Amino acid sequence: MAIDPQFEDNREVVDEHEGHKVWGPVDEPEQLGIHGTHVAVDFDICLADGACLEDCPVDVFEWTDTPGHPESEIKADPVNEAQCIDCMLCVDVCPVDAIDVDPGRTDRV
C-alpha cells in the first residue's frame, strides 16, 4: 500500500520531529505515521532500502532510528525538506511508494 497523497485531509498533526510535522496516528513502536509535509515519508511502509538517500541531489533525507518497528529499525527522515527542489527522484526510486512530494501543499516549508 502506497502513501496516502491526501494525508493532509485524512490525518491530523500529532507531533513534530526534527523540524517537520508528524501526521498520525502514532502508536510507537509499531505505528509511526507520516513524517514531513512538502516531502512526506510514510514511516509505516518505509523499508529503509536507502534509494532515496542515495539519489536525492540535495540531501533531504537522513537516517533516523526507529527501534521495534516491524518494517525496519531505521527510516529515511525528511529532516531537510526545505532543501527539496521537487525533482521527484525519491518518489521514483522508492520501491514501496512510501514517499510523496507535493510543492503545492499548504504547509510548504
Protein backbone atom coordinates (compact mmCIF):
# COMPACT_ATOMS: atom_id res chain seq x y z
CA MET A 1 0.00 0.00 0.00
CA ALA A 2 1.40 3.41 -1.01
CA ILE A 3 1.48 6.63 0.99
CA ASP A 4 -1.86 8.44 1.03
CA PRO A 5 -1.35 11.56 -1.15
CA GLN A 6 -4.33 13.15 0.63
CA PHE A 7 -2.87 12.68 4.11
CA GLU A 8 -3.33 16.38 4.91
CA ASP A 9 -7.08 15.88 4.63
CA ASN A 10 -7.20 12.38 6.09
CA ARG A 11 -4.85 12.71 9.08
CA GLU A 12 -4.04 15.16 11.83
CA VAL A 13 -0.73 16.54 13.02
CA VAL A 14 0.13 14.75 16.25
CA ASP A 15 3.76 15.72 16.81
CA GLU A 16 6.86 17.40 15.44
CA HIS A 17 10.16 15.66 14.75
CA GLU A 18 13.44 17.25 13.61
CA GLY A 19 11.61 20.41 12.49
CA HIS A 20 8.84 18.75 10.48
CA LYS A 21 5.30 17.65 11.24
CA VAL A 22 4.27 14.11 12.09
CA TRP A 23 0.84 13.09 10.83
CA GLY A 24 -0.90 10.44 12.91
CA PRO A 25 -1.93 8.05 14.02
CA VAL A 26 1.19 7.20 16.01
CA ASP A 27 1.44 4.28 18.42
CA GLU A 28 5.14 3.57 18.93
CA PRO A 29 6.93 1.43 18.05
CA GLU A 30 4.54 -0.25 15.60
CA GLN A 31 2.83 2.82 14.12
CA LEU A 32 4.95 5.90 13.37
CA GLY A 33 2.80 7.96 10.98
CA ILE A 34 3.83 10.20 8.10
CA HIS A 35 6.81 12.50 8.56
CA GLY A 36 7.05 15.79 6.67
CA THR A 37 4.60 17.79 4.61
CA HIS A 38 6.18 19.03 1.38
CA VAL A 39 8.32 15.88 1.36
CA ALA A 40 6.29 13.23 3.15
CA VAL A 41 7.52 9.77 4.14
CA ASP A 42 5.14 7.15 5.47
CA PHE A 43 7.28 5.60 8.19
CA ASP A 44 4.88 2.67 8.48
CA ILE A 45 5.69 1.37 5.00
CA CYS A 46 9.29 2.61 4.59
CA LEU A 47 11.62 -0.38 4.18
CA ALA A 48 14.79 1.66 4.60
CA ASP A 49 16.44 0.44 1.40
CA GLY A 50 18.27 3.77 1.13
CA ALA A 51 17.47 4.57 -2.50
CA CYS A 52 16.07 8.00 -1.63
CA LEU A 53 19.17 8.90 0.40
CA GLU A 54 21.45 7.80 -2.42
CA ASP A 55 19.55 9.54 -5.24
CA CYS A 56 18.47 12.83 -3.64
CA PRO A 57 20.72 15.54 -5.14
CA VAL A 58 20.16 17.96 -2.24
CA ASP A 59 20.32 15.59 0.76
CA VAL A 60 16.75 15.97 2.00
CA PHE A 61 16.87 12.65 3.90
CA GLU A 62 18.83 11.37 6.88
CA TRP A 63 18.55 8.06 8.69
CA THR A 64 16.65 8.07 11.96
CA ASP A 65 16.39 5.18 14.41
CA THR A 66 13.00 3.51 14.84
CA PRO A 67 13.70 0.56 17.13
CA GLY A 68 10.99 -2.05 17.27
CA HIS A 69 9.18 -1.04 14.08
CA PRO A 70 8.06 -4.17 12.19
CA GLU A 71 9.25 -2.98 8.73
CA SER A 72 12.70 -1.66 9.67
CA GLU A 73 14.54 -0.19 12.62
CA ILE A 74 15.69 2.87 10.69
CA LYS A 75 13.75 5.24 8.41
CA ALA A 76 14.56 7.83 5.77
CA ASP A 77 13.58 11.03 7.57
CA PRO A 78 12.97 14.22 5.51
CA VAL A 79 14.82 16.40 8.01
CA ASN A 80 15.98 18.80 5.30
CA GLU A 81 12.72 19.07 3.36
CA ALA A 82 13.26 22.82 2.88
CA GLN A 83 16.12 21.93 0.53
CA CYS A 84 13.82 19.91 -1.79
CA ILE A 85 13.93 21.00 -5.44
CA ASP A 86 10.91 18.90 -6.48
CA CYS A 87 12.92 16.66 -8.81
CA MET A 88 10.84 13.64 -7.71
CA LEU A 89 13.81 11.24 -7.80
CA CYS A 90 12.97 9.98 -4.31
CA VAL A 91 9.40 9.26 -5.35
CA ASP A 92 10.58 7.42 -8.46
CA VAL A 93 13.11 5.19 -6.67
CA CYS A 94 11.11 4.23 -3.58
CA PRO A 95 10.25 0.54 -4.05
CA VAL A 96 7.18 0.70 -1.80
CA ASP A 97 5.86 4.17 -2.70
CA ALA A 98 6.41 5.45 0.82
CA ILE A 99 7.33 8.99 -0.35
CA ASP A 100 5.16 11.77 -1.74
CA VAL A 101 6.44 15.19 -2.81
CA ASP A 102 3.95 17.95 -3.49
CA PRO A 103 5.15 21.56 -3.87
CA GLY A 104 1.56 22.77 -3.59
CA ARG A 105 0.85 21.54 -0.09
CA THR A 106 -0.37 24.28 2.19
CA ASP A 107 2.44 23.92 4.70
CA ARG A 108 5.33 24.02 2.26
CA VAL A 109 8.45 24.90 4.18
